[in-house]
């Protein structure tokens, strides 16, 4: 039996949350009169990085708990 696709779900939701984060902080920056800055991209990159780390932790957990005998 194959393990559940936890890492795929985490990466999918993480990508969606990063896109929403980018759009939100871009809107906030433009509304405040700051114009286009790199801050929204940096915040979205942090979200993507965190979701990637979480997906790797799930993959490692599945690997450790798999019976290889």
Protein backbone atom coordinates (compact mmCIF):
# COMPACT_ATOMS: atom_id res chain seq x y z
CA UNK A 1 0.00 0.00 0.00
CA UNK A 2 1.41 3.40 -0.93
CA UNK A 3 1.65 6.14 1.67
CA UNK A 4 -0.83 9.02 1.61
CA UNK A 5 0.29 12.03 -0.45
CA UNK A 6 0.79 14.40 2.49
CA UNK A 7 3.68 16.25 0.87
CA UNK A 8 1.71 16.88 -2.33
CA UNK A 9 -1.18 18.33 -0.35
CA UNK A 10 1.14 20.51 1.72
CA UNK A 11 2.91 21.82 -1.39
CA UNK A 12 -0.39 22.49 -3.15
CA UNK A 13 -1.90 24.38 -0.24
CA UNK A 14 1.42 26.13 0.43
CA UNK A 15 1.58 27.37 -3.15
CA UNK A 16 -1.99 28.65 -2.95
CA UNK A 17 -1.32 30.39 0.37
CA UNK A 18 1.87 31.93 -1.04
CA UNK A 19 -0.08 33.30 -4.02
CA UNK A 20 -2.70 34.83 -1.73
CA UNK A 21 0.08 36.23 0.47
CA UNK A 22 1.72 37.86 -2.53
CA UNK A 23 -1.54 39.37 -3.75
CA UNK A 24 -2.52 40.63 -0.29
CA UNK A 25 0.82 42.29 0.51
CA UNK A 26 1.03 43.76 -2.99
CA UNK A 27 -2.42 45.29 -2.49
CA UNK A 28 -1.44 46.63 0.94
CA UNK A 29 1.78 48.14 -0.41
CA UNK A 30 0.14 49.76 -3.42
CA UNK A 31 -2.74 51.07 -1.27
CA UNK A 32 -0.26 52.64 1.15
CA UNK A 33 1.42 54.45 -1.73
CA UNK A 34 4.65 52.46 -1.59
CA UNK A 35 4.28 51.22 -5.16
CA UNK A 36 5.72 47.93 -6.35
CA UNK A 37 8.32 46.63 -3.91
CA UNK A 38 9.98 43.26 -3.36
CA UNK A 39 8.48 42.81 0.11
CA UNK A 40 5.40 40.81 -1.08
CA UNK A 41 7.65 38.44 -3.03
CA UNK A 42 9.88 37.94 0.01
CA UNK A 43 6.88 37.14 2.21
CA UNK A 44 5.52 34.69 -0.36
CA UNK A 45 8.97 33.09 -0.63
CA UNK A 46 8.99 32.53 3.15
CA UNK A 47 5.60 30.81 2.91
CA UNK A 48 6.85 28.59 0.07
CA UNK A 49 9.98 27.75 2.02
CA UNK A 50 8.02 26.82 5.13
CA UNK A 51 5.63 24.61 3.18
CA UNK A 52 8.57 22.92 1.45
CA UNK A 53 10.21 22.19 4.80
CA UNK A 54 6.93 20.78 6.12
CA UNK A 55 6.57 18.57 3.02
CA UNK A 56 10.12 17.28 3.52
CA UNK A 57 9.35 16.49 7.16
CA UNK A 58 6.27 14.51 6.08
CA UNK A 59 8.30 12.63 3.46
CA UNK A 60 10.98 11.83 6.05
CA UNK A 61 8.32 10.62 8.49
CA UNK A 62 6.85 8.29 5.86
CA UNK A 63 10.34 7.02 5.01
CA UNK A 64 11.20 6.35 8.66
CA UNK A 65 7.90 4.58 9.34
CA UNK A 66 8.02 2.38 6.22
CA UNK A 67 8.74 -1.28 6.81
CA UNK A 68 11.78 -2.11 4.66
CA UNK A 69 12.29 -5.71 5.71
